């Protein structure tokens, strides 16, 4: 079975076959293992990203059309999935929106926090590059000054003839 990696946002990857969300943070990677039904629910939302997924579609896809179990389980699992996203601080990046009397929609957005983090990383890279160039320039100038210093202080030995 081929392993799919679904990039949900700049910092979030979903592995549907494993029911795993991987979140990249400044301090490292966070791996979230989802319950099987939550993984199926998220898979359906991701497959229809930005579109409304009807309650009926969820019930048919996940609970084999069983309305009695499906309707209640859907609400409960949407709540659980939202809680996980909120507890991990991901609701600025990924959100499950309720579409009244219809269903749910996955909303993935590049928040100002993500954009600022990206800009901060970019400026950091520029600062490091500038510092390295400055160090190289200083080393180069320092070497030239030492060469000139050596040239000026070198005395030619006087050869005496007999």
N, C-alpha and C. Protein backbone atom coordinates (compact mmCIF):
# COMPACT_ATOMS: atom_id res chain seq x y z
N UNK A 1 0.85 -1.19 0.00
CA UNK A 1 0.00 0.00 0.00
C UNK A 1 0.89 1.25 0.00
N UNK A 2 0.60 2.15 -0.88
CA UNK A 2 1.39 3.37 -1.00
C UNK A 2 1.02 4.34 0.12
N UNK A 3 2.03 4.93 0.71
CA UNK A 3 1.83 5.90 1.78
C UNK A 3 1.65 7.29 1.19
N UNK A 4 0.51 7.91 1.43
CA UNK A 4 0.26 9.26 0.94
C UNK A 4 0.62 10.26 2.02
N UNK A 5 1.20 11.35 1.59
CA UNK A 5 1.49 12.48 2.48
C UNK A 5 0.68 13.66 1.95
N UNK A 6 -0.23 14.14 2.75
CA UNK A 6 -1.05 15.27 2.34
C UNK A 6 -0.62 16.51 3.10
N UNK A 7 -0.11 17.49 2.39
CA UNK A 7 0.33 18.76 2.99
C UNK A 7 -0.91 19.62 3.21
N UNK A 8 -1.29 19.81 4.47
CA UNK A 8 -2.48 20.61 4.78
C UNK A 8 -2.16 22.09 4.85
N UNK A 9 -0.99 22.41 5.36
CA UNK A 9 -0.56 23.81 5.43
C UNK A 9 0.96 23.81 5.45
N UNK A 10 1.51 24.97 5.65
CA UNK A 10 2.97 25.10 5.68
C UNK A 10 3.60 24.16 6.70
N UNK A 11 2.93 23.99 7.83
CA UNK A 11 3.52 23.24 8.94
C UNK A 11 2.81 21.93 9.28
N UNK A 12 1.80 21.54 8.51
CA UNK A 12 1.01 20.36 8.88
C UNK A 12 0.94 19.36 7.72
N UNK A 13 1.29 18.11 8.03
CA UNK A 13 1.20 17.01 7.06
C UNK A 13 0.29 15.95 7.66
N UNK A 14 -0.57 15.37 6.83
CA UNK A 14 -1.46 14.30 7.27
C UNK A 14 -1.10 13.02 6.54
N UNK A 15 -0.94 11.94 7.29
CA UNK A 15 -0.69 10.62 6.73
C UNK A 15 -1.95 9.79 6.93
N UNK A 16 -2.86 9.74 5.93
CA UNK A 16 -4.16 9.10 6.13
C UNK A 16 -4.11 7.60 6.42
N UNK A 17 -3.18 6.88 5.81
CA UNK A 17 -3.11 5.43 6.04
C UNK A 17 -2.72 5.11 7.48
N UNK A 18 -2.03 6.04 8.12
CA UNK A 18 -1.56 5.82 9.49
C UNK A 18 -2.37 6.62 10.51
N UNK A 19 -3.30 7.45 10.03
CA UNK A 19 -4.09 8.33 10.92
C UNK A 19 -3.18 9.20 11.77
N UNK A 20 -2.19 9.83 11.12
CA UNK A 20 -1.20 10.62 11.84
C UNK A 20 -1.13 12.03 11.25
N UNK A 21 -1.13 12.99 12.13
CA UNK A 21 -0.86 14.39 11.77
C UNK A 21 0.54 14.71 12.27
N UNK A 22 1.36 15.29 11.39
CA UNK A 22 2.70 15.71 11.79
C UNK A 22 2.74 17.23 11.70
N UNK A 23 3.10 17.84 12.81
CA UNK A 23 3.11 19.30 12.90
C UNK A 23 4.54 19.76 13.14
N UNK A 24 5.01 20.65 12.29
CA UNK A 24 6.35 21.20 12.43
C UNK A 24 6.26 22.50 13.24
N UNK A 25 7.02 22.53 14.31
CA UNK A 25 7.09 23.73 15.15
C UNK A 25 8.55 24.14 15.29
N UNK A 26 8.79 25.33 15.79
CA UNK A 26 10.14 25.83 15.95
C UNK A 26 11.00 24.91 16.81
N UNK A 27 10.38 24.24 17.78
CA UNK A 27 11.12 23.37 18.70
C UNK A 27 11.16 21.91 18.23
N UNK A 28 10.61 21.61 17.06
CA UNK A 28 10.68 20.24 16.52
C UNK A 28 9.36 19.78 15.94
N UNK A 29 9.27 18.48 15.71
CA UNK A 29 8.07 17.89 15.13
C UNK A 29 7.17 17.32 16.22
N UNK A 30 5.86 17.49 16.03
CA UNK A 30 4.87 16.90 16.92
C UNK A 30 4.10 15.89 16.09
N UNK A 31 3.99 14.67 16.60
CA UNK A 31 3.24 13.62 15.91
C UNK A 31 1.97 13.34 16.69
N UNK A 32 0.83 13.49 16.01
CA UNK A 32 -0.47 13.25 16.64
C UNK A 32 -1.10 12.01 16.02
N UNK A 33 -1.33 10.99 16.83
CA UNK A 33 -1.97 9.77 16.37
C UNK A 33 -3.48 9.90 16.60
N UNK A 34 -4.24 9.83 15.52
CA UNK A 34 -5.69 9.99 15.60
C UNK A 34 -6.38 8.64 15.70
N UNK A 35 -7.55 8.63 16.34
CA UNK A 35 -8.39 7.43 16.35
C UNK A 35 -8.79 7.15 14.90
N UNK A 36 -9.04 5.88 14.56
CA UNK A 36 -9.38 5.53 13.18
C UNK A 36 -10.53 6.35 12.58
N UNK A 37 -11.61 6.54 13.34
CA UNK A 37 -12.74 7.32 12.80
C UNK A 37 -12.36 8.78 12.58
N UNK A 38 -11.51 9.32 13.44
CA UNK A 38 -11.06 10.71 13.25
C UNK A 38 -10.19 10.81 12.00
N UNK A 39 -9.37 9.79 11.77
CA UNK A 39 -8.55 9.75 10.55
C UNK A 39 -9.42 9.70 9.30
N UNK A 40 -10.47 8.86 9.33
CA UNK A 40 -11.38 8.78 8.18
C UNK A 40 -12.11 10.11 7.96
N UNK A 41 -12.54 10.71 9.05
CA UNK A 41 -13.23 12.00 8.98
C UNK A 41 -12.32 13.07 8.37
N UNK A 42 -11.08 13.14 8.86
CA UNK A 42 -10.14 14.11 8.32
C UNK A 42 -9.81 13.81 6.86
N UNK A 43 -9.70 12.53 6.52
CA UNK A 43 -9.44 12.15 5.12
C UNK A 43 -10.53 12.67 4.20
N UNK A 44 -11.78 12.50 4.61
CA UNK A 44 -12.90 13.00 3.79
C UNK A 44 -12.84 14.52 3.65
N UNK A 45 -12.53 15.20 4.74
CA UNK A 45 -12.44 16.67 4.68
C UNK A 45 -11.30 17.11 3.77
N UNK A 46 -10.16 16.43 3.86
CA UNK A 46 -9.00 16.79 3.05
C UNK A 46 -9.27 16.53 1.57
N UNK A 47 -9.92 15.40 1.27
CA UNK A 47 -10.22 15.08 -0.12
C UNK A 47 -11.14 16.11 -0.76
N UNK A 48 -11.95 16.76 0.07
CA UNK A 48 -12.88 17.78 -0.42
C UNK A 48 -12.53 19.15 0.14
N UNK A 49 -11.25 19.41 0.29
CA UNK A 49 -10.75 20.66 0.90
C UNK A 49 -11.41 21.88 0.26
N UNK A 50 -11.93 22.75 1.13
CA UNK A 50 -12.56 23.98 0.66
C UNK A 50 -13.99 23.80 0.18
N UNK A 51 -14.47 22.56 0.13
CA UNK A 51 -15.84 22.28 -0.30
C UNK A 51 -16.65 21.78 0.89
N UNK A 52 -17.94 21.96 0.81
CA UNK A 52 -18.82 21.45 1.86
C UNK A 52 -18.96 19.94 1.68
N UNK A 53 -18.70 19.22 2.76
CA UNK A 53 -18.93 17.77 2.78
C UNK A 53 -20.20 17.56 3.59
N UNK A 54 -21.21 16.99 2.95
CA UNK A 54 -22.51 16.85 3.62
C UNK A 54 -22.46 15.81 4.73
N UNK A 55 -23.36 15.98 5.68
CA UNK A 55 -23.47 15.01 6.77
C UNK A 55 -23.80 13.64 6.19
N UNK A 56 -24.65 13.62 5.19
CA UNK A 56 -25.03 12.36 4.55
C UNK A 56 -23.80 11.67 3.95
N UNK A 57 -22.93 12.44 3.32
CA UNK A 57 -21.71 11.87 2.73
C UNK A 57 -20.85 11.22 3.81
N UNK A 58 -20.65 11.93 4.92
CA UNK A 58 -19.86 11.38 6.02
C UNK A 58 -20.46 10.07 6.53
N UNK A 59 -21.77 10.08 6.75
CA UNK A 59 -22.45 8.90 7.30
C UNK A 59 -22.32 7.71 6.35
N UNK A 60 -22.44 7.97 5.06
CA UNK A 60 -22.29 6.88 4.09
C UNK A 60 -20.85 6.39 4.00
N UNK A 61 -19.89 7.31 4.00
CA UNK A 61 -18.49 6.94 3.82
C UNK A 61 -17.88 6.29 5.06
N UNK A 62 -18.28 6.74 6.24
CA UNK A 62 -17.63 6.27 7.47
C UNK A 62 -18.49 5.27 8.24
N UNK A 63 -19.79 5.49 8.29
CA UNK A 63 -20.67 4.63 9.09
C UNK A 63 -21.61 3.80 8.22
N UNK A 64 -21.22 3.57 6.99
CA UNK A 64 -21.93 2.71 6.05
C UNK A 64 -23.43 3.03 5.96
N UNK A 65 -23.76 4.32 6.02
CA UNK A 65 -25.14 4.75 5.85
C UNK A 65 -26.02 4.59 7.07
N UNK A 66 -25.48 4.17 8.20
CA UNK A 66 -26.26 3.98 9.43
C UNK A 66 -26.54 5.33 10.07
N UNK A 67 -27.73 5.88 9.78
CA UNK A 67 -28.11 7.21 10.29
C UNK A 67 -28.20 7.26 11.81
N UNK A 68 -28.66 6.16 12.42
CA UNK A 68 -28.83 6.16 13.88
C UNK A 68 -27.50 6.36 14.60
N UNK A 69 -26.49 5.63 14.18
CA UNK A 69 -25.17 5.74 14.79
C UNK A 69 -24.41 6.93 14.20
N UNK A 70 -24.50 7.08 12.90
CA UNK A 70 -23.69 8.06 12.18
C UNK A 70 -23.89 9.50 12.58
N UNK A 71 -25.12 9.94 12.73
CA UNK A 71 -25.39 11.35 13.02
C UNK A 71 -24.77 11.77 14.35
N UNK A 72 -24.97 10.95 15.38
CA UNK A 72 -24.41 11.24 16.69
C UNK A 72 -22.89 11.12 16.69
N UNK A 73 -22.38 10.06 16.05
CA UNK A 73 -20.93 9.84 15.99
C UNK A 73 -20.25 10.95 15.21
N UNK A 74 -20.88 11.44 14.17
CA UNK A 74 -20.31 12.53 13.37
C UNK A 74 -20.11 13.78 14.23
N UNK A 75 -21.15 14.18 14.96
CA UNK A 75 -21.05 15.36 15.82
C UNK A 75 -19.94 15.18 16.86
N UNK A 76 -19.93 14.00 17.48
CA UNK A 76 -18.94 13.71 18.52
C UNK A 76 -17.52 13.75 17.95
N UNK A 77 -17.32 13.18 16.77
CA UNK A 77 -15.98 13.13 16.19
C UNK A 77 -15.52 14.47 15.62
N UNK A 78 -16.45 15.26 15.11
CA UNK A 78 -16.10 16.63 14.68
C UNK A 78 -15.62 17.41 15.91
N UNK A 79 -16.34 17.26 17.01
CA UNK A 79 -15.96 17.93 18.26
C UNK A 79 -14.56 17.49 18.69
N UNK A 80 -14.29 16.18 18.66
CA UNK A 80 -12.98 15.66 19.06
C UNK A 80 -11.87 16.20 18.15
N UNK A 81 -12.10 16.19 16.85
CA UNK A 81 -11.10 16.66 15.91
C UNK A 81 -10.82 18.15 16.11
N UNK A 82 -11.87 18.93 16.30
CA UNK A 82 -11.69 20.36 16.58
C UNK A 82 -10.90 20.56 17.87
N UNK A 83 -11.21 19.76 18.88
CA UNK A 83 -10.51 19.87 20.18
C UNK A 83 -9.02 19.59 20.02
N UNK A 84 -8.69 18.55 19.25
CA UNK A 84 -7.28 18.23 19.01
C UNK A 84 -6.58 19.39 18.32
N UNK A 85 -7.21 19.95 17.29
CA UNK A 85 -6.61 21.08 16.57
C UNK A 85 -6.43 22.28 17.49
N UNK A 86 -7.45 22.54 18.30
CA UNK A 86 -7.39 23.68 19.23
C UNK A 86 -6.31 23.45 20.30
N UNK A 87 -6.28 22.24 20.87
CA UNK A 87 -5.30 21.94 21.93
C UNK A 87 -3.86 22.04 21.44
N UNK A 88 -3.65 21.78 20.16
CA UNK A 88 -2.31 21.87 19.58
C UNK A 88 -2.02 23.26 19.02
N UNK A 89 -2.97 24.19 19.16
CA UNK A 89 -2.77 25.55 18.67
C UNK A 89 -2.80 25.65 17.16
N UNK A 90 -3.54 24.75 16.52
CA UNK A 90 -3.56 24.71 15.06
C UNK A 90 -4.77 25.40 14.45
N UNK A 91 -5.69 25.91 15.26
CA UNK A 91 -6.90 26.49 14.68
C UNK A 91 -6.65 27.78 13.89
N UNK A 92 -5.48 28.38 14.00
CA UNK A 92 -5.16 29.52 13.13
C UNK A 92 -4.80 29.05 11.73
N UNK A 93 -4.37 27.80 11.62
CA UNK A 93 -3.92 27.28 10.34
C UNK A 93 -4.95 26.38 9.66
N UNK A 94 -5.66 25.62 10.46
CA UNK A 94 -6.61 24.66 9.91
C UNK A 94 -7.86 24.66 10.79
N UNK A 95 -9.01 24.70 10.14
CA UNK A 95 -10.26 24.84 10.88
C UNK A 95 -11.34 24.00 10.20
N UNK A 96 -12.23 23.46 10.99
CA UNK A 96 -13.38 22.73 10.45
C UNK A 96 -14.59 23.63 10.66
N UNK A 97 -15.08 24.17 9.58
CA UNK A 97 -16.22 25.10 9.64
C UNK A 97 -17.53 24.32 9.50
N UNK A 98 -18.51 24.73 10.29
CA UNK A 98 -19.85 24.15 10.17
C UNK A 98 -20.62 24.96 9.14
N UNK A 99 -21.22 24.27 8.18
CA UNK A 99 -22.09 24.91 7.19
C UNK A 99 -23.50 24.52 7.59
N UNK A 100 -24.26 25.51 8.08
CA UNK A 100 -25.59 25.26 8.66
C UNK A 100 -26.47 24.38 7.78
N UNK A 101 -27.04 23.37 8.43
CA UNK A 101 -28.00 22.44 7.82
C UNK A 101 -27.46 21.72 6.60
N UNK A 102 -26.15 21.65 6.48
CA UNK A 102 -25.57 21.02 5.31
C UNK A 102 -24.45 20.05 5.69
N UNK A 103 -23.40 20.55 6.31
CA UNK A 103 -22.27 19.69 6.63
C UNK A 103 -21.10 20.48 7.18
N UNK A 104 -19.91 20.08 6.75
CA UNK A 104 -18.67 20.69 7.27
C UNK A 104 -17.71 20.95 6.13
N UNK A 105 -16.81 21.88 6.39
CA UNK A 105 -15.82 22.25 5.37
C UNK A 105 -14.48 22.46 6.05
N UNK A 106 -13.44 21.92 5.43
CA UNK A 106 -12.08 22.12 5.92
C UNK A 106 -11.56 23.44 5.36
N UNK A 107 -11.16 24.32 6.25
CA UNK A 107 -10.62 25.62 5.86
C UNK A 107 -9.16 25.66 6.29
N UNK A 108 -8.28 25.74 5.32
CA UNK A 108 -6.85 25.83 5.60
C UNK A 108 -6.41 27.22 5.20
N UNK A 109 -5.79 27.90 6.12
CA UNK A 109 -5.39 29.28 5.83
C UNK A 109 -3.97 29.53 6.29
N UNK A 110 -3.33 30.41 5.55
CA UNK A 110 -2.01 30.89 5.93
C UNK A 110 -2.25 32.11 6.82
N UNK A 111 -2.11 31.91 8.10
CA UNK A 111 -2.39 33.01 9.03
C UNK A 111 -1.25 34.01 9.06
N UNK A 112 -1.51 35.12 9.69
CA UNK A 112 -0.47 36.14 9.85
C UNK A 112 0.70 35.58 10.64
N UNK A 113 0.40 34.66 11.57
CA UNK A 113 1.47 34.06 12.37
C UNK A 113 2.40 33.25 11.47
N UNK A 114 1.82 32.46 10.57
CA UNK A 114 2.64 31.67 9.65
C UNK A 114 3.44 32.58 8.74
N UNK A 115 2.76 33.59 8.19
CA UNK A 115 3.45 34.52 7.29
C UNK A 115 4.58 35.22 8.03
N UNK A 116 4.32 35.64 9.27
CA UNK A 116 5.37 36.32 10.03
C UNK A 116 6.52 35.37 10.33
N UNK A 117 6.20 34.10 10.67
CA UNK A 117 7.24 33.12 10.93
C UNK A 117 8.10 32.93 9.69
N UNK A 118 7.46 32.90 8.53
CA UNK A 118 8.18 32.73 7.27
C UNK A 118 9.08 33.93 7.00
N UNK A 119 8.56 35.14 7.24
CA UNK A 119 9.35 36.35 7.05
C UNK A 119 10.50 36.38 8.04
N UNK A 120 10.25 35.98 9.28
CA UNK A 120 11.31 35.96 10.29
C UNK A 120 12.42 35.01 9.88
N UNK A 121 12.05 33.85 9.38
CA UNK A 121 13.06 32.89 8.92
C UNK A 121 13.84 33.46 7.75
N UNK A 122 13.14 34.15 6.85
CA UNK A 122 13.80 34.72 5.68
C UNK A 122 14.80 35.80 6.11
N UNK A 123 14.39 36.69 7.01
CA UNK A 123 15.29 37.74 7.48
C UNK A 123 16.46 37.15 8.25
N UNK A 124 16.21 36.08 8.99
CA UNK A 124 17.29 35.41 9.71
C UNK A 124 18.32 34.88 8.71
N UNK A 125 17.85 34.27 7.63
CA UNK A 125 18.75 33.75 6.60
C UNK A 125 19.56 34.88 5.98
N UNK A 126 18.90 36.01 5.69
CA UNK A 126 19.62 37.16 5.14
C UNK A 126 20.67 37.67 6.12
N UNK A 127 20.32 37.73 7.40
CA UNK A 127 21.26 38.23 8.41
C UNK A 127 22.48 37.31 8.51
N UNK A 128 22.24 36.00 8.49
CA UNK A 128 23.35 35.05 8.54
C UNK A 128 24.25 35.20 7.31
N UNK A 129 23.64 35.32 6.14
CA UNK A 129 24.41 35.48 4.90
C UNK A 129 25.24 36.78 4.95
N UNK A 130 24.64 37.86 5.42
CA UNK A 130 25.35 39.13 5.52
C UNK A 130 26.52 39.03 6.50
N UNK A 131 26.30 38.36 7.64
CA UNK A 131 27.35 38.19 8.63
C UNK A 131 28.52 37.38 8.05
N UNK A 132 28.18 36.32 7.32
CA UNK A 132 29.24 35.51 6.70
C UNK A 132 30.03 36.31 5.68
N UNK A 133 29.34 37.11 4.87
CA UNK A 133 30.03 37.95 3.89
C UNK A 133 30.94 38.95 4.59
N UNK A 134 30.46 39.53 5.66
CA UNK A 134 31.26 40.49 6.41
C UNK A 134 32.50 39.82 7.00
N UNK A 135 32.35 38.62 7.53
CA UNK A 135 33.49 37.89 8.08
C UNK A 135 34.50 37.58 6.98
N UNK A 136 34.02 37.11 5.84
CA UNK A 136 34.92 36.81 4.73
C UNK A 136 35.65 38.06 4.25
N UNK A 137 34.94 39.17 4.17
CA UNK A 137 35.54 40.42 3.76
C UNK A 137 36.62 40.85 4.75
N UNK A 138 36.33 40.75 6.04
CA UNK A 138 37.30 41.12 7.06
C UNK A 138 38.53 40.23 7.00
N UNK A 139 38.31 38.93 6.78
CA UNK A 139 39.45 38.01 6.67
C UNK A 139 40.30 38.37 5.46
N UNK A 140 39.64 38.66 4.37
CA UNK A 140 40.34 39.01 3.13
C UNK A 140 41.16 40.29 3.34
N UNK A 141 40.54 41.32 3.91
CA UNK A 141 41.24 42.58 4.17
C UNK A 141 42.37 42.38 5.16
N UNK A 142 42.12 41.59 6.17
CA UNK A 142 43.15 41.31 7.17
C UNK A 142 44.35 40.63 6.56
N UNK A 143 44.13 39.72 5.64
CA UNK A 143 45.21 39.02 4.96
C UNK A 143 46.01 39.99 4.09
N UNK A 144 45.32 40.88 3.36
CA UNK A 144 46.02 41.85 2.50
C UNK A 144 46.87 42.78 3.34
N UNK A 145 46.36 43.24 4.48
CA UNK A 145 47.13 44.13 5.34
C UNK A 145 48.38 43.44 5.85
N UNK A 146 48.26 42.16 6.22
CA UNK A 146 49.42 41.43 6.71
C UNK A 146 50.45 41.23 5.60
N UNK A 147 49.99 41.00 4.39
CA UNK A 147 50.92 40.84 3.26
C UNK A 147 51.66 42.15 3.03
N UNK A 148 50.92 43.30 3.03
CA UNK A 148 51.57 44.60 2.85
C UNK A 148 52.55 44.86 3.99
N UNK A 149 52.14 44.49 5.19
CA UNK A 149 52.99 44.70 6.35
C UNK A 149 54.30 43.91 6.19
N UNK A 150 54.17 42.69 5.75
CA UNK A 150 55.34 41.84 5.56
C UNK A 150 56.23 42.42 4.46
N UNK A 151 55.62 42.90 3.38
CA UNK A 151 56.39 43.45 2.28
C UNK A 151 57.16 44.69 2.72
N UNK A 152 56.55 45.52 3.53
CA UNK A 152 57.21 46.76 3.93
C UNK A 152 58.27 46.52 5.01
N UNK A 153 58.13 45.51 5.78
CA UNK A 153 59.09 45.31 6.85
C UNK A 153 60.21 44.36 6.46
N UNK A 154 60.10 43.81 5.31
CA UNK A 154 61.14 42.89 4.86
C UNK A 154 62.38 43.67 4.45
N UNK A 155 63.48 43.34 5.02
CA UNK A 155 64.72 44.02 4.69
C UNK A 155 65.55 43.14 3.79
N UNK A 156 66.11 43.77 2.79
CA UNK A 156 66.97 43.05 1.86
C UNK A 156 68.33 42.90 2.49
N UNK A 157 68.83 41.68 2.59
CA UNK A 157 70.15 41.50 3.20
C UNK A 157 71.24 42.08 2.28
N UNK A 158 72.19 42.69 2.88
CA UNK A 158 73.29 43.26 2.14
C UNK A 158 74.33 42.18 1.95
N UNK A 159 74.71 41.99 0.71
CA UNK A 159 75.72 40.97 0.40
C UNK A 159 77.07 41.69 0.37
N UNK A 160 77.97 41.21 1.13
CA UNK A 160 79.32 41.79 1.16
C UNK A 160 80.22 40.99 0.25
N UNK A 161 80.97 41.69 -0.54
CA UNK A 161 81.90 40.99 -1.42
C UNK A 161 83.28 41.04 -0.79
N UNK A 162 84.12 40.06 -1.03
CA UNK A 162 85.45 39.96 -0.45
C UNK A 162 86.46 40.52 -1.33
